[in-house]
Amino acid sequence: MKGLWLLVLFVLFSLNSKAQNIEALELPYAQISSGKLFRVSKFPSEYITPRTVDVWLPEGYSRTKKYAVLYMHDGQMLFDTTVTWNHQEWMVDEVSSQLMKTGKVKDFIVVAIHNISGSRYADLFPEKAIDYLNASEKTKFWSYARADNPDIVFNGDNYLKYLVKEIKPFVDKVYSTLPDRENTFVAGSSMGGLMSWYAICEYPEIFGGAACISTHWPGGDPEKSLGFPKAFFEYINAHMPVPETHKLYFDFGTETLDKYYPAFENSVNQLFLKAGYHDSNFKNLKYEGADHSELSWQKRLDVPLRFLLKP
């Protein structure tokens, strides 16, 4: 971004009947290739610990047009290598801009919800799926989860309320969006992959599509048998979004942490194909040699974007 000025947007916004001043700042020195990046440093919440939320607007953004919206987890990893912990990024601005420029996707903006590292596992875990474990599996899982954090509280449902009931209404009020299900999408990788399918299952009236990249089907340490993904599959089967109005994209690599994911390929395929999904609204792609990293995800980001946001 080349801007030399800082735009401060003050929005008086009613959030759960409480008027709050939400301040969105343009980040003129963010190391992005195109578009503009805005930030709410601590987006307020009645449900969950407030965290940073970024909004990326494509080059030429205009209030005379309407834009689809892609909500993405782990938002601090998406745009700028100079601020990420591993100096990697998804290159969301580069990939998205090129796809829009060439007409391969509809125009869209990206809402990037940052994680809080200490609570990321609990925030992005599909909370209701825990109920699909049997008694002995629950005991084992809770023992595993509390080993590192004795006070862990799984908060996936409140995280989704934050996204759906607090962030989305703000975005739709402030920016020129298409707020309907057909133009609202969610995406993430690893734990964010779990949360993306959970989001569309919990809120099928809100999200029309989900991209679940390198989905962490083991639900924890893949060397331990924690009762997942069986419980995940049972939950999805009971809360399956209808294929007539939804799209789901999954993928996985074969190296580093991703090497554990090919084992679930057939089960995922059977789950969705049995529910009536087909090639036009369901993908589960294998990327031979790809590892579990932003460098791998940036190389194939265009695939889920073209699938979900096809004009």
C-alpha atoms as a PDB file:
ATOM      1  CA  MET A   1       0.000   0.000   0.000  1.00  0.00           C
ATOM      2  CA  LYS A   2       1.474   3.328  -1.075  1.00  0.00           C
ATOM      3  CA  GLY A   3      -0.788   5.746   0.810  1.00  0.00           C
ATOM      4  CA  LEU A   4       0.937   8.358   2.949  1.00  0.00           C
ATOM      5  CA  TRP A   5      -2.066   9.191   5.027  1.00  0.00           C
ATOM      6  CA  LEU A   6      -4.040   7.554   7.767  1.00  0.00           C
ATOM      7  CA  LEU A   7      -7.774   7.361   7.405  1.00  0.00           C
ATOM      8  CA  VAL A   8      -9.704   7.102  10.616  1.00  0.00           C
ATOM      9  CA  LEU A   9     -13.206   5.785  10.269  1.00  0.00           C
ATOM     10  CA  PHE A  10     -15.426   6.358  13.280  1.00  0.00           C
ATOM     11  CA  VAL A  11     -18.559   4.311  13.218  1.00  0.00           C
ATOM     12  CA  LEU A  12     -21.235   4.538  15.841  1.00  0.00           C
ATOM     13  CA  PHE A  13     -22.545   1.029  15.744  1.00  0.00           C
ATOM     14  CA  SER A  14     -25.136  -0.681  17.875  1.00  0.00           C
ATOM     15  CA  LEU A  15     -23.791  -4.021  19.025  1.00  0.00           C
ATOM     16  CA  ASN A  16     -26.148  -6.245  21.013  1.00  0.00           C
ATOM     17  CA  SER A  17     -28.080  -3.146  22.117  1.00  0.00           C
ATOM     18  CA  LYS A  18     -24.921  -1.423  23.365  1.00  0.00           C
ATOM     19  CA  ALA A  19     -23.680   1.563  21.382  1.00  0.00           C
ATOM     20  CA  GLN A  20     -19.954   1.308  20.840  1.00  0.00           C
ATOM     21  CA  ASN A  21     -17.478   3.410  18.934  1.00  0.00           C
ATOM     22  CA  ILE A  22     -15.540   1.101  16.656  1.00  0.00           C
ATOM     23  CA  GLU A  23     -12.467   2.665  15.143  1.00  0.00           C
ATOM     24  CA  ALA A  24     -11.080   1.245  11.903  1.00  0.00           C
ATOM     25  CA  LEU A  25      -7.662   2.522  10.875  1.00  0.00           C
ATOM     26  CA  GLU A  26      -6.113   2.247   7.468  1.00  0.00           C
ATOM     27  CA  LEU A  27      -2.614   0.754   7.647  1.00  0.00           C
ATOM     28  CA  PRO A  28      -0.713   2.803   5.045  1.00  0.00           C
ATOM     29  CA  TYR A  29       2.620   1.114   5.692  1.00  0.00           C
ATOM     30  CA  ALA A  30       1.439  -2.489   5.546  1.00  0.00           C
ATOM     31  CA  GLN A  31       3.599  -4.424   3.116  1.00  0.00           C
ATOM     32  CA  ILE A  32       0.868  -5.467   0.705  1.00  0.00           C
ATOM     33  CA  SER A  33       0.918  -5.404  -3.087  1.00  0.00           C
ATOM     34  CA  SER A  34      -2.510  -4.005  -3.840  1.00  0.00           C
ATOM     35  CA  GLY A  35      -5.649  -2.704  -2.229  1.00  0.00           C
ATOM     36  CA  LYS A  36      -5.968  -1.193   1.229  1.00  0.00           C
ATOM     37  CA  LEU A  37      -5.898  -2.772   4.665  1.00  0.00           C
ATOM     38  CA  PHE A  38      -7.984  -1.465   7.570  1.00  0.00           C
ATOM     39  CA  ARG A  39      -7.711  -2.561  11.188  1.00  0.00           C
ATOM     40  CA  VAL A  40      -9.827  -2.622  14.319  1.00  0.00           C
ATOM     41  CA  SER A  41      -7.191  -3.350  16.949  1.00  0.00           C
ATOM     42  CA  LYS A  42      -9.555  -4.785  19.562  1.00  0.00           C
ATOM     43  CA  PHE A  43     -12.879  -5.488  17.980  1.00  0.00           C
ATOM     44  CA  PRO A  44     -15.242  -5.534  20.990  1.00  0.00           C
ATOM     45  CA  SER A  45     -17.265  -8.565  21.968  1.00  0.00           C
ATOM     46  CA  GLU A  46     -19.781  -9.746  24.504  1.00  0.00           C
ATOM     47  CA  TYR A  47     -18.903 -13.361  23.712  1.00  0.00           C
ATOM     48  CA  ILE A  48     -15.142 -13.766  23.519  1.00  0.00           C
ATOM     49  CA  THR A  49     -11.836 -12.025  24.169  1.00  0.00           C
ATOM     50  CA  PRO A  50     -11.609  -9.059  21.764  1.00  0.00           C
ATOM     51  CA  ARG A  51      -8.971  -9.399  19.095  1.00  0.00           C
ATOM     52  CA  THR A  52      -7.659  -7.649  16.000  1.00  0.00           C
ATOM     53  CA  VAL A  53      -9.832  -7.733  12.894  1.00  0.00           C
ATOM     54  CA  ASP A  54      -8.489  -6.558   9.521  1.00  0.00           C
ATOM     55  CA  VAL A  55     -10.505  -5.687   6.438  1.00  0.00           C
ATOM     56  CA  TRP A  56      -8.828  -5.827   3.044  1.00  0.00           C
ATOM     57  CA  LEU A  57     -10.399  -3.838   0.218  1.00  0.00           C
ATOM     58  CA  PRO A  58      -9.306  -4.570  -3.355  1.00  0.00           C
ATOM     59  CA  GLU A  59      -7.812  -1.990  -5.680  1.00  0.00           C
ATOM     60  CA  GLY A  60     -10.539   0.255  -7.044  1.00  0.00           C
ATOM     61  CA  TYR A  61     -12.973  -0.513  -4.229  1.00  0.00           C
ATOM     62  CA  SER A  62     -16.034   1.670  -4.700  1.00  0.00           C
ATOM     63  CA  ARG A  63     -19.193   2.205  -2.705  1.00  0.00           C
ATOM     64  CA  THR A  64     -21.083   2.260  -5.989  1.00  0.00           C
ATOM     65  CA  LYS A  65     -20.410  -1.486  -6.313  1.00  0.00           C
ATOM     66  CA  LYS A  66     -21.333  -4.400  -4.078  1.00  0.00           C
ATOM     67  CA  TYR A  67     -18.815  -7.013  -2.926  1.00  0.00           C
ATOM     68  CA  ALA A  68     -18.935 -10.581  -1.672  1.00  0.00           C
ATOM     69  CA  VAL A  69     -17.188 -11.160   1.665  1.00  0.00           C
ATOM     70  CA  LEU A  70     -14.651 -13.827   2.601  1.00  0.00           C
ATOM     71  CA  TYR A  71     -14.075 -14.264   6.346  1.00  0.00           C
ATOM     72  CA  MET A  72     -10.706 -15.850   7.150  1.00  0.00           C
ATOM     73  CA  HIS A  73      -9.262 -17.196  10.399  1.00  0.00           C
ATOM     74  CA  ASP A  74      -5.668 -16.634  11.614  1.00  0.00           C
ATOM     75  CA  GLY A  75      -5.882 -13.188  10.061  1.00  0.00           C
ATOM     76  CA  GLN A  76      -2.376 -12.045  10.991  1.00  0.00           C
ATOM     77  CA  MET A  77      -0.896 -14.638   8.618  1.00  0.00           C
ATOM     78  CA  LEU A  78      -2.608 -13.517   5.421  1.00  0.00           C
ATOM     79  CA  PHE A  79      -1.001 -10.383   4.004  1.00  0.00           C
ATOM     80  CA  ASP A  80       2.387  -9.260   5.275  1.00  0.00           C
ATOM     81  CA  THR A  81       5.499 -11.376   5.936  1.00  0.00           C
ATOM     82  CA  THR A  82       7.110  -8.585   7.954  1.00  0.00           C
ATOM     83  CA  VAL A  83       4.666  -9.115  10.828  1.00  0.00           C
ATOM     84  CA  THR A  84       4.156 -12.897  10.824  1.00  0.00           C
ATOM     85  CA  TRP A  85       5.920 -15.125  13.346  1.00  0.00           C
ATOM     86  CA  ASN A  86       7.489 -17.328  10.643  1.00  0.00           C
ATOM     87  CA  HIS A  87       7.943 -14.651   7.936  1.00  0.00           C
ATOM     88  CA  GLN A  88       5.438 -16.450   5.703  1.00  0.00           C
ATOM     89  CA  GLU A  89       2.042 -15.307   4.419  1.00  0.00           C
ATOM     90  CA  TRP A  90      -0.881 -16.494   2.344  1.00  0.00           C
ATOM     91  CA  MET A  91      -0.431 -13.707  -0.242  1.00  0.00           C
ATOM     92  CA  VAL A  92      -4.172 -13.090  -0.088  1.00  0.00           C
ATOM     93  CA  ASP A  93      -3.926  -9.627  -1.635  1.00  0.00           C
ATOM     94  CA  GLU A  94      -1.773 -10.787  -4.554  1.00  0.00           C
ATOM     95  CA  VAL A  95      -3.812 -13.884  -5.368  1.00  0.00           C
ATOM     96  CA  SER A  96      -7.197 -12.240  -4.888  1.00  0.00           C
ATOM     97  CA  SER A  97      -6.274  -9.181  -6.934  1.00  0.00           C
ATOM     98  CA  GLN A  98      -5.057 -11.259  -9.870  1.00  0.00           C
ATOM     99  CA  LEU A  99      -8.199 -13.409  -9.851  1.00  0.00           C
ATOM    100  CA  MET A 100     -10.472 -10.368  -9.792  1.00  0.00           C
ATOM    101  CA  LYS A 101      -8.453  -8.587 -12.468  1.00  0.00           C
ATOM    102  CA  THR A 102      -8.796 -11.546 -14.824  1.00  0.00           C
ATOM    103  CA  GLY A 103     -12.490 -12.041 -14.076  1.00  0.00           C
ATOM    104  CA  LYS A 104     -12.057 -15.518 -12.573  1.00  0.00           C
ATOM    105  CA  VAL A 105     -13.873 -14.593  -9.368  1.00  0.00           C
ATOM    106  CA  LYS A 106     -16.561 -12.111  -8.395  1.00  0.00           C
ATOM    107  CA  ASP A 107     -15.418  -8.940  -6.646  1.00  0.00           C
ATOM    108  CA  PHE A 108     -14.918  -9.507  -2.922  1.00  0.00           C
ATOM    109  CA  ILE A 109     -13.374  -8.146   0.245  1.00  0.00           C
ATOM    110  CA  VAL A 110     -11.572 -10.123   2.939  1.00  0.00           C
ATOM    111  CA  VAL A 111     -12.222  -9.920   6.675  1.00  0.00           C
ATOM    112  CA  ALA A 112      -9.263 -11.345   8.577  1.00  0.00           C
ATOM    113  CA  ILE A 113      -9.867 -12.332  12.196  1.00  0.00           C
ATOM    114  CA  HIS A 114      -6.597 -12.586  14.105  1.00  0.00           C
ATOM    115  CA  ASN A 115      -6.053 -15.426  16.523  1.00  0.00           C
ATOM    116  CA  ILE A 116      -4.880 -15.169  20.113  1.00  0.00           C
ATOM    117  CA  SER A 117      -2.082 -17.718  20.302  1.00  0.00           C
ATOM    118  CA  GLY A 118      -2.775 -18.838  23.853  1.00  0.00           C
ATOM    119  CA  SER A 119      -6.411 -19.667  23.140  1.00  0.00           C
ATOM    120  CA  ARG A 120      -6.289 -20.520  19.418  1.00  0.00           C
ATOM    121  CA  TYR A 121      -6.832 -24.256  19.901  1.00  0.00           C
ATOM    122  CA  ALA A 122      -9.860 -23.739  22.132  1.00  0.00           C
ATOM    123  CA  ASP A 123     -11.294 -20.894  20.034  1.00  0.00           C
ATOM    124  CA  LEU A 124     -11.112 -22.736  16.713  1.00  0.00           C
ATOM    125  CA  PHE A 125     -12.166 -26.194  17.921  1.00  0.00           C
ATOM    126  CA  PRO A 126     -15.654 -27.333  16.758  1.00  0.00           C
ATOM    127  CA  GLU A 127     -17.139 -27.258  20.227  1.00  0.00           C
ATOM    128  CA  LYS A 128     -20.332 -29.257  19.752  1.00  0.00           C
ATOM    129  CA  ALA A 129     -18.412 -32.133  18.134  1.00  0.00           C
ATOM    130  CA  ILE A 130     -17.030 -33.003  21.590  1.00  0.00           C
ATOM    131  CA  ASP A 131     -20.537 -34.222  22.470  1.00  0.00           C
ATOM    132  CA  TYR A 132     -20.139 -36.937  19.823  1.00  0.00           C
ATOM    133  CA  LEU A 133     -17.352 -38.637  21.787  1.00  0.00           C
ATOM    134  CA  ASN A 134     -18.326 -41.530  24.016  1.00  0.00           C
ATOM    135  CA  ALA A 135     -17.616 -41.367  27.756  1.00  0.00           C
ATOM    136  CA  SER A 136     -14.159 -42.973  27.612  1.00  0.00           C
ATOM    137  CA  GLU A 137     -13.169 -40.851  24.606  1.00  0.00           C
ATOM    138  CA  LYS A 138     -14.264 -37.702  26.419  1.00  0.00           C
ATOM    139  CA  THR A 139     -12.157 -38.607  29.427  1.00  0.00           C
ATOM    140  CA  LYS A 140      -9.113 -39.184  27.239  1.00  0.00           C
ATOM    141  CA  PHE A 141      -9.696 -36.011  25.244  1.00  0.00           C
ATOM    142  CA  TRP A 142     -10.141 -33.792  28.290  1.00  0.00           C
ATOM    143  CA  SER A 143      -7.000 -35.270  29.826  1.00  0.00           C
ATOM    144  CA  TYR A 144      -5.117 -34.413  26.627  1.00  0.00           C
ATOM    145  CA  ALA A 145      -6.590 -30.911  26.372  1.00  0.00           C
ATOM    146  CA  ARG A 146      -5.850 -30.066  30.004  1.00  0.00           C
ATOM    147  CA  ALA A 147      -2.276 -31.331  29.934  1.00  0.00           C
ATOM    148  CA  ASP A 148      -1.014 -27.995  28.606  1.00  0.00           C
ATOM    149  CA  ASN A 149      -3.817 -25.839  29.967  1.00  0.00           C
ATOM    150  CA  PRO A 150      -5.668 -27.109  33.068  1.00  0.00           C
ATOM    151  CA  ASP A 151      -8.168 -24.243  32.741  1.00  0.00           C
ATOM    152  CA  ILE A 152      -8.951 -24.694  29.056  1.00  0.00           C
ATOM    153  CA  VAL A 153     -12.430 -23.604  27.981  1.00  0.00           C
ATOM    154  CA  PHE A 154     -13.537 -24.591  24.499  1.00  0.00           C
ATOM    155  CA  ASN A 155     -15.020 -21.488  22.950  1.00  0.00           C
ATOM    156  CA  GLY A 156     -15.769 -22.324  19.330  1.00  0.00           C
ATOM    157  CA  ASP A 157     -19.455 -21.477  19.648  1.00  0.00           C
ATOM    158  CA  ASN A 158     -18.708 -18.042  21.098  1.00  0.00           C
ATOM    159  CA  TYR A 159     -16.055 -17.462  18.437  1.00  0.00           C
ATOM    160  CA  LEU A 160     -18.729 -18.035  15.789  1.00  0.00           C
ATOM    161  CA  LYS A 161     -21.146 -15.721  17.594  1.00  0.00           C
ATOM    162  CA  TYR A 162     -18.384 -13.103  17.519  1.00  0.00           C
ATOM    163  CA  LEU A 163     -18.033 -13.567  13.773  1.00  0.00           C
ATOM    164  CA  VAL A 164     -21.730 -13.805  12.894  1.00  0.00           C
ATOM    165  CA  LYS A 165     -23.429 -11.534  15.434  1.00  0.00           C
ATOM    166  CA  GLU A 166     -20.772  -8.854  15.945  1.00  0.00           C
ATOM    167  CA  ILE A 167     -18.200  -8.688  13.143  1.00  0.00           C
ATOM    168  CA  LYS A 168     -20.456  -9.438  10.171  1.00  0.00           C
ATOM    169  CA  PRO A 169     -23.106  -6.808  11.020  1.00  0.00           C
ATOM    170  CA  PHE A 170     -20.325  -4.211  11.367  1.00  0.00           C
ATOM    171  CA  VAL A 171     -18.770  -5.170   8.037  1.00  0.00           C
ATOM    172  CA  ASP A 172     -22.110  -5.110   6.235  1.00  0.00           C
ATOM    173  CA  LYS A 173     -22.939  -1.697   7.731  1.00  0.00           C
ATOM    174  CA  VAL A 174     -19.613   0.001   7.020  1.00  0.00           C
ATOM    175  CA  TYR A 175     -18.604  -1.550   3.693  1.00  0.00           C
ATOM    176  CA  SER A 176     -20.437  -2.003   0.421  1.00  0.00           C
ATOM    177  CA  THR A 177     -21.210  -5.707   0.688  1.00  0.00           C
ATOM    178  CA  LEU A 178     -23.599  -8.317  -0.585  1.00  0.00           C
ATOM    179  CA  PRO A 179     -24.705  -9.646   2.832  1.00  0.00           C
ATOM    180  CA  ASP A 180     -26.705 -12.663   1.663  1.00  0.00           C
ATOM    181  CA  ARG A 181     -25.646 -16.288   2.021  1.00  0.00           C
ATOM    182  CA  GLU A 182     -24.755 -16.630  -1.648  1.00  0.00           C
ATOM    183  CA  ASN A 183     -22.012 -14.035  -1.201  1.00  0.00           C
ATOM    184  CA  THR A 184     -20.716 -14.837   2.287  1.00  0.00           C
ATOM    185  CA  PHE A 185     -17.846 -17.301   2.683  1.00  0.00           C
ATOM    186  CA  VAL A 186     -15.464 -18.565   5.337  1.00  0.00           C
ATOM    187  CA  ALA A 187     -11.973 -20.051   5.040  1.00  0.00           C
ATOM    188  CA  GLY A 188      -9.026 -21.214   7.087  1.00  0.00           C
ATOM    189  CA  SER A 189      -6.307 -23.813   7.430  1.00  0.00           C
ATOM    190  CA  SER A 190      -5.489 -26.507   9.983  1.00  0.00           C
ATOM    191  CA  MET A 191      -7.583 -25.613  13.076  1.00  0.00           C
ATOM    192  CA  GLY A 192      -9.039 -22.865  10.881  1.00  0.00           C
ATOM    193  CA  GLY A 193     -10.062 -25.609   8.463  1.00  0.00           C
ATOM    194  CA  LEU A 194     -12.012 -27.289  11.260  1.00  0.00           C
ATOM    195  CA  MET A 195     -13.644 -23.996  12.225  1.00  0.00           C
ATOM    196  CA  SER A 196     -14.603 -23.268   8.606  1.00  0.00           C
ATOM    197  CA  TRP A 197     -16.708 -26.398   8.159  1.00  0.00           C
ATOM    198  CA  TYR A 198     -18.071 -25.899  11.672  1.00  0.00           C
ATOM    199  CA  ALA A 199     -19.121 -22.366  10.747  1.00  0.00           C
ATOM    200  CA  ILE A 200     -21.121 -23.463   7.710  1.00  0.00           C
ATOM    201  CA  CYS A 201     -22.704 -26.319   9.671  1.00  0.00           C
ATOM    202  CA  GLU A 202     -23.694 -24.081  12.583  1.00  0.00           C
ATOM    203  CA  TYR A 203     -24.784 -21.153  10.419  1.00  0.00           C
ATOM    204  CA  PRO A 204     -25.908 -22.545   7.042  1.00  0.00           C
ATOM    205  CA  GLU A 205     -28.216 -19.561   6.647  1.00  0.00           C
ATOM    206  CA  ILE A 206     -25.215 -17.197   6.837  1.00  0.00           C
ATOM    207  CA  PHE A 207     -22.421 -18.930   4.897  1.00  0.00           C
ATOM    208  CA  GLY A 208     -22.822 -20.181   1.352  1.00  0.00           C
ATOM    209  CA  GLY A 209     -19.382 -21.741   1.125  1.00  0.00           C
ATOM    210  CA  ALA A 210     -16.386 -22.827   3.165  1.00  0.00           C
ATOM    211  CA  ALA A 211     -12.763 -23.524   2.266  1.00  0.00           C
ATOM    212  CA  CYS A 212     -11.173 -25.980   4.681  1.00  0.00           C
ATOM    213  CA  ILE A 213      -7.476 -26.121   3.827  1.00  0.00           C
ATOM    214  CA  SER A 214      -5.198 -28.752   5.375  1.00  0.00           C
ATOM    215  CA  THR A 215      -8.040 -29.535   7.769  1.00  0.00           C
ATOM    216  CA  HIS A 216      -6.701 -30.926  11.044  1.00  0.00           C
ATOM    217  CA  TRP A 217      -8.975 -33.947  11.217  1.00  0.00           C
ATOM    218  CA  PRO A 218      -7.079 -35.604  14.132  1.00  0.00           C
ATOM    219  CA  GLY A 219      -8.334 -32.827  16.407  1.00  0.00           C
ATOM    220  CA  GLY A 220      -5.053 -32.729  18.329  1.00  0.00           C
ATOM    221  CA  ASP A 221      -1.829 -34.732  18.413  1.00  0.00           C
ATOM    222  CA  PRO A 222      -2.182 -37.074  15.413  1.00  0.00           C
ATOM    223  CA  GLU A 223      -0.121 -39.705  17.219  1.00  0.00           C
ATOM    224  CA  LYS A 224      -2.806 -39.979  19.904  1.00  0.00           C
ATOM    225  CA  SER A 225      -6.211 -41.554  19.377  1.00  0.00           C
ATOM    226  CA  LEU A 226      -8.589 -38.888  20.703  1.00  0.00           C
ATOM    227  CA  GLY A 227     -11.847 -40.056  19.118  1.00  0.00           C
ATOM    228  CA  PHE A 228     -11.551 -37.721  16.158  1.00  0.00           C
ATOM    229  CA  PRO A 229     -12.250 -37.495  13.272  1.00  0.00           C
ATOM    230  CA  LYS A 230     -15.061 -39.986  13.941  1.00  0.00           C
ATOM    231  CA  ALA A 231     -16.819 -37.482  16.181  1.00  0.00           C
ATOM    232  CA  PHE A 232     -16.304 -34.721  13.623  1.00  0.00           C
ATOM    233  CA  PHE A 233     -17.825 -36.841  10.879  1.00  0.00           C
ATOM    234  CA  GLU A 234     -20.813 -37.753  13.051  1.00  0.00           C
ATOM    235  CA  TYR A 235     -21.413 -34.111  13.894  1.00  0.00           C
ATOM    236  CA  ILE A 236     -21.173 -33.046  10.222  1.00  0.00           C
ATOM    237  CA  ASN A 237     -23.530 -35.819   9.169  1.00  0.00           C
ATOM    238  CA  ALA A 238     -26.087 -34.578  11.704  1.00  0.00           C
ATOM    239  CA  HIS A 239     -25.667 -30.913  10.702  1.00  0.00           C
ATOM    240  CA  MET A 240     -24.961 -31.236   6.989  1.00  0.00           C
ATOM    241  CA  PRO A 241     -25.633 -28.031   5.004  1.00  0.00           C
ATOM    242  CA  VAL A 242     -27.913 -28.778   2.076  1.00  0.00           C
ATOM    243  CA  PRO A 243     -25.978 -29.173  -1.189  1.00  0.00           C
ATOM    244  CA  GLU A 244     -28.478 -27.127  -3.190  1.00  0.00           C
ATOM    245  CA  THR A 245     -27.279 -23.885  -1.565  1.00  0.00           C
ATOM    246  CA  HIS A 246     -23.778 -24.597  -0.247  1.00  0.00           C
ATOM    247  CA  LYS A 247     -20.238 -25.311  -1.429  1.00  0.00           C
ATOM    248  CA  LEU A 248     -17.488 -27.038   0.548  1.00  0.00           C
ATOM    249  CA  TYR A 249     -13.841 -27.188  -0.420  1.00  0.00           C
ATOM    250  CA  PHE A 250     -11.283 -29.404   1.347  1.00  0.00           C
ATOM    251  CA  ASP A 251      -7.669 -30.136   0.544  1.00  0.00           C
ATOM    252  CA  PHE A 252      -4.538 -31.642   2.067  1.00  0.00           C
ATOM    253  CA  GLY A 253      -0.856 -32.173   1.396  1.00  0.00           C
ATOM    254  CA  THR A 254       1.385 -35.132   2.127  1.00  0.00           C
ATOM    255  CA  GLU A 255       4.340 -33.698   4.065  1.00  0.00           C
ATOM    256  CA  THR A 256       5.007 -32.545   7.661  1.00  0.00           C
ATOM    257  CA  LEU A 257       1.718 -32.388   9.600  1.00  0.00           C
ATOM    258  CA  ASP A 258      -0.271 -32.861   6.405  1.00  0.00           C
ATOM    259  CA  LYS A 259       1.117 -36.386   6.056  1.00  0.00           C
ATOM    260  CA  TYR A 260      -1.555 -37.523   8.539  1.00  0.00           C
ATOM    261  CA  TYR A 261      -4.458 -36.232   6.464  1.00  0.00           C
ATOM    262  CA  PRO A 262      -4.578 -38.546   3.401  1.00  0.00           C
ATOM    263  CA  ALA A 263      -5.874 -41.300   5.690  1.00  0.00           C
ATOM    264  CA  PHE A 264      -9.192 -39.447   5.903  1.00  0.00           C
ATOM    265  CA  GLU A 265      -9.637 -38.730   2.199  1.00  0.00           C
ATOM    266  CA  ASN A 266     -12.104 -41.511   1.456  1.00  0.00           C
ATOM    267  CA  SER A 267     -14.156 -40.924   4.605  1.00  0.00           C
ATOM    268  CA  VAL A 268     -14.559 -37.233   3.781  1.00  0.00           C
ATOM    269  CA  ASN A 269     -15.534 -38.045   0.194  1.00  0.00           C
ATOM    270  CA  GLN A 270     -18.103 -40.624   1.262  1.00  0.00           C
ATOM    271  CA  LEU A 271     -19.584 -38.307   3.885  1.00  0.00           C
ATOM    272  CA  PHE A 272     -20.362 -35.516   1.428  1.00  0.00           C
ATOM    273  CA  LEU A 273     -21.143 -37.582  -1.654  1.00  0.00           C
ATOM    274  CA  LYS A 274     -23.660 -39.587   0.353  1.00  0.00           C
ATOM    275  CA  ALA A 275     -25.323 -36.310   1.354  1.00  0.00           C
ATOM    276  CA  GLY A 276     -25.833 -35.383  -2.300  1.00  0.00           C
ATOM    277  CA  TYR A 277     -22.794 -33.241  -2.969  1.00  0.00           C
ATOM    278  CA  HIS A 278     -21.039 -33.550  -6.317  1.00  0.00           C
ATOM    279  CA  ASP A 279     -18.154 -32.050  -8.247  1.00  0.00           C
ATOM    280  CA  SER A 280     -19.752 -28.636  -8.695  1.00  0.00           C
ATOM    281  CA  ASN A 281     -20.226 -27.983  -4.974  1.00  0.00           C
ATOM    282  CA  PHE A 282     -17.686 -30.254  -3.256  1.00  0.00           C
ATOM    283  CA  LYS A 283     -13.941 -30.718  -3.615  1.00  0.00           C
ATOM    284  CA  ASN A 284     -11.440 -32.720  -1.591  1.00  0.00           C
ATOM    285  CA  LEU A 285      -8.085 -32.313  -3.313  1.00  0.00           C
ATOM    286  CA  LYS A 286      -4.717 -33.933  -2.632  1.00  0.00           C
ATOM    287  CA  TYR A 287      -1.515 -31.948  -3.203  1.00  0.00           C
ATOM    288  CA  GLU A 288       1.367 -34.382  -3.399  1.00  0.00           C
ATOM    289  CA  GLY A 289       4.499 -33.024  -1.734  1.00  0.00           C
ATOM    290  CA  ALA A 290       2.757 -30.036  -0.104  1.00  0.00           C
ATOM    291  CA  ASP A 291       3.515 -29.400   3.549  1.00  0.00           C
ATOM    292  CA  HIS A 292       1.685 -27.675   6.391  1.00  0.00           C
ATOM    293  CA  SER A 293       2.701 -24.059   5.869  1.00  0.00           C
ATOM    294  CA  GLU A 294       1.631 -20.706   4.509  1.00  0.00           C
ATOM    295  CA  LEU A 295       4.092 -21.159   1.658  1.00  0.00           C
ATOM    296  CA  SER A 296       2.164 -24.239   0.557  1.00  0.00           C
ATOM    297  CA  TRP A 297      -1.258 -22.665   1.048  1.00  0.00           C
ATOM    298  CA  GLN A 298      -0.395 -19.539  -0.945  1.00  0.00           C
ATOM    299  CA  LYS A 299       0.538 -21.700  -3.932  1.00  0.00           C
ATOM    300  CA  ARG A 300      -2.956 -23.188  -4.156  1.00  0.00           C
ATOM    301  CA  LEU A 301      -5.096 -20.408  -2.683  1.00  0.00           C
ATOM    302  CA  ASP A 302      -6.437 -19.581  -6.135  1.00  0.00           C
ATOM    303  CA  VAL A 303      -8.137 -22.992  -6.318  1.00  0.00           C
ATOM    304  CA  PRO A 304     -10.579 -22.589  -3.406  1.00  0.00           C
ATOM    305  CA  LEU A 305     -11.135 -18.925  -4.287  1.00  0.00           C
ATOM    306  CA  ARG A 306     -12.111 -19.795  -7.856  1.00  0.00           C
ATOM    307  CA  PHE A 307     -14.299 -22.616  -6.587  1.00  0.00           C
ATOM    308  CA  LEU A 308     -16.194 -20.572  -3.996  1.00  0.00           C
ATOM    309  CA  LEU A 309     -16.296 -17.187  -5.710  1.00  0.00           C
ATOM    310  CA  LYS A 310     -17.003 -18.206  -9.279  1.00  0.00           C
ATOM    311  CA  PRO A 311     -18.790 -15.321 -11.047  1.00  0.00           C
END
